[in-house]
Amino acid sequence: MSTAAGGGPRFDLPEPDAFTRPYWDAAAEGRLLIRRCGACGAAHHYPREFCPRCWSEDVTWERASGRATLYTWSVVHRNDLPPFGARVPYVAAVVDLAEGPRMMTEVVGRGAQEPRIGMGLEVAFRAAGEFAVPVFRAA
């Protein structure tokens, strides 16, 4: 686990491994990747080495369009874990990616002031140390 400037743990930074490295490298370049199953055709996110629908291991990386629809959201007013406390209030959200999978994320920018279910969103990336984390803003 990474540590914050004050020495405490950071909960917002990934710990990539050999499997997830392509995902985080693409995010650093401003691209959102998902996984697609070659056996059943289903797309999924978060990245897994097998298809959660048919259990096939015939899955590959695919660039997502970056378009999404807001499925649900909640405004977080208190979070004691660093560095989230410095960000409150923020909009924690679940979005439906255009390719089908649901993804947990955060809504930022002008869309965060008045989120509404069904609103169109587009991916953006927040710098987080040496990484970039996908977030979404109003399209």
Protein backbone atom coordinates (compact mmCIF):
# COMPACT_ATOMS: atom_id res chain seq x y z
CA MET A 1 0.00 0.00 0.00
CA SER A 2 1.21 3.51 -0.81
CA THR A 3 1.71 6.12 1.88
CA ALA A 4 0.43 9.68 2.12
CA ALA A 5 2.65 12.71 2.68
CA GLY A 6 1.99 12.48 6.44
CA GLY A 7 3.14 8.86 6.49
CA GLY A 8 -0.33 7.23 6.68
CA PRO A 9 -1.66 4.82 4.08
CA ARG A 10 -3.13 6.02 0.76
CA PHE A 11 -6.29 4.29 -0.33
CA ASP A 12 -6.68 5.96 -3.74
CA LEU A 13 -3.63 4.54 -5.52
CA PRO A 14 -3.64 1.24 -7.37
CA GLU A 15 -1.16 -1.54 -6.81
CA PRO A 16 -0.68 -2.82 -10.37
CA ASP A 17 0.54 -6.31 -11.06
CA ALA A 18 1.59 -7.96 -14.34
CA PHE A 19 -2.07 -8.54 -15.28
CA THR A 20 -3.44 -5.04 -14.53
CA ARG A 21 -0.39 -3.09 -15.76
CA PRO A 22 -1.87 -2.60 -19.31
CA TYR A 23 -5.00 -1.05 -17.74
CA TRP A 24 -3.03 1.47 -15.67
CA ASP A 25 -0.58 2.23 -18.50
CA ALA A 26 -3.52 2.99 -20.84
CA ALA A 27 -5.17 5.20 -18.18
CA ALA A 28 -1.93 7.18 -17.86
CA GLU A 29 -2.21 7.78 -21.63
CA GLY A 30 -5.87 8.89 -21.36
CA ARG A 31 -7.44 5.63 -22.57
CA LEU A 32 -10.01 3.52 -20.70
CA LEU A 33 -9.70 -0.24 -21.22
CA ILE A 34 -12.25 -2.96 -20.59
CA ARG A 35 -12.09 -6.73 -21.13
CA ARG A 36 -14.09 -8.55 -23.81
CA CYS A 37 -14.76 -12.30 -23.93
CA GLY A 38 -13.97 -14.03 -27.22
CA ALA A 39 -16.26 -16.95 -26.34
CA CYS A 40 -19.55 -15.19 -25.46
CA GLY A 41 -18.82 -11.61 -26.54
CA ALA A 42 -19.58 -10.02 -23.16
CA ALA A 43 -17.59 -7.00 -22.01
CA HIS A 44 -16.69 -6.63 -18.34
CA HIS A 45 -15.09 -4.26 -15.90
CA TYR A 46 -13.23 -4.47 -13.43
CA PRO A 47 -10.46 -6.32 -15.32
CA ARG A 48 -10.40 -10.07 -14.69
CA GLU A 49 -8.46 -12.90 -16.31
CA PHE A 50 -11.68 -14.78 -17.08
CA CYS A 51 -15.18 -13.89 -18.25
CA PRO A 52 -17.57 -13.50 -15.29
CA ARG A 53 -20.46 -14.52 -17.56
CA CYS A 54 -19.25 -17.80 -19.12
CA TRP A 55 -15.95 -18.37 -17.24
CA SER A 56 -13.91 -18.49 -20.46
CA GLU A 57 -10.28 -17.43 -20.24
CA ASP A 58 -10.48 -16.17 -23.86
CA VAL A 59 -10.62 -12.50 -22.84
CA THR A 60 -8.72 -9.57 -24.32
CA TRP A 61 -8.22 -5.88 -23.65
CA GLU A 62 -10.38 -3.47 -25.63
CA ARG A 63 -10.41 0.31 -25.71
CA ALA A 64 -13.71 1.64 -24.37
CA SER A 65 -15.41 4.62 -26.02
CA GLY A 66 -15.32 6.60 -22.77
CA ARG A 67 -19.07 7.25 -22.95
CA ALA A 68 -21.29 6.31 -20.03
CA THR A 69 -24.67 6.94 -18.41
CA LEU A 70 -25.09 7.72 -14.71
CA TYR A 71 -26.78 4.73 -13.06
CA THR A 72 -26.71 5.90 -9.42
CA TRP A 73 -24.78 8.31 -7.22
CA SER A 74 -24.28 9.62 -3.71
CA VAL A 75 -22.68 12.80 -2.44
CA VAL A 76 -20.03 11.93 0.15
CA HIS A 77 -19.76 14.64 2.81
CA ARG A 78 -17.41 12.84 5.19
CA ASN A 79 -14.55 10.45 4.60
CA ASP A 80 -11.72 10.05 7.08
CA LEU A 81 -9.44 8.02 4.80
CA PRO A 82 -6.60 10.00 3.24
CA PRO A 83 -6.75 11.68 0.76
CA PHE A 84 -10.56 11.52 0.41
CA GLY A 85 -11.18 13.82 3.37
CA ALA A 86 -9.59 16.69 1.46
CA ARG A 87 -11.97 16.09 -1.47
CA VAL A 88 -15.32 16.21 0.33
CA PRO A 89 -17.93 16.71 -0.79
CA TYR A 90 -17.53 14.47 -3.85
CA VAL A 91 -19.91 12.42 -5.97
CA ALA A 92 -19.35 8.66 -5.74
CA ALA A 93 -21.10 7.00 -8.65
CA VAL A 94 -21.87 3.87 -10.60
CA VAL A 95 -22.01 4.35 -14.36
CA ASP A 96 -23.12 2.15 -17.24
CA LEU A 97 -20.37 2.17 -19.86
CA ALA A 98 -21.59 2.36 -23.48
CA GLU A 99 -20.08 -1.10 -24.01
CA GLY A 100 -22.30 -2.59 -21.28
CA PRO A 101 -20.33 -3.02 -18.04
CA ARG A 102 -21.07 -1.07 -14.87
CA MET A 103 -18.20 0.76 -13.24
CA MET A 104 -17.71 2.42 -9.86
CA THR A 105 -16.21 5.88 -10.24
CA GLU A 106 -16.53 9.53 -9.33
CA VAL A 107 -18.39 12.31 -11.15
CA VAL A 108 -16.34 15.51 -11.39
CA GLY A 109 -16.72 18.97 -12.90
CA ARG A 110 -20.01 20.64 -13.71
CA GLY A 111 -21.85 17.29 -13.75
CA ALA A 112 -21.02 16.89 -10.07
CA GLN A 113 -23.07 19.94 -9.09
CA GLU A 114 -26.36 18.52 -10.36
CA PRO A 115 -26.03 14.79 -11.01
CA ARG A 116 -29.13 13.05 -12.31
CA ILE A 117 -29.75 9.43 -13.16
CA GLY A 118 -29.49 8.83 -16.89
CA MET A 119 -27.23 11.80 -17.61
CA GLY A 120 -24.61 11.31 -20.31
CA LEU A 121 -21.02 11.22 -19.12
CA GLU A 122 -17.55 11.00 -20.63
CA VAL A 123 -14.37 9.67 -19.11
CA ALA A 124 -11.67 11.96 -17.77
CA PHE A 125 -8.57 11.03 -15.80
CA ARG A 126 -7.37 12.27 -12.41
CA ALA A 127 -3.64 12.24 -11.80
CA ALA A 128 -2.83 10.14 -8.74
CA GLY A 129 0.88 9.90 -8.12
CA GLU A 130 2.42 8.07 -11.07
CA PHE A 131 -1.04 6.82 -12.11
CA ALA A 132 -4.19 8.22 -13.68
CA VAL A 133 -7.57 7.13 -12.34
CA PRO A 134 -10.69 7.20 -14.55
CA VAL A 135 -13.43 9.57 -13.40
CA PHE A 136 -16.41 10.91 -15.36
CA ARG A 137 -17.78 14.36 -16.20
CA ALA A 138 -20.95 15.55 -17.94
CA ALA A 139 -20.81 14.93 -21.70
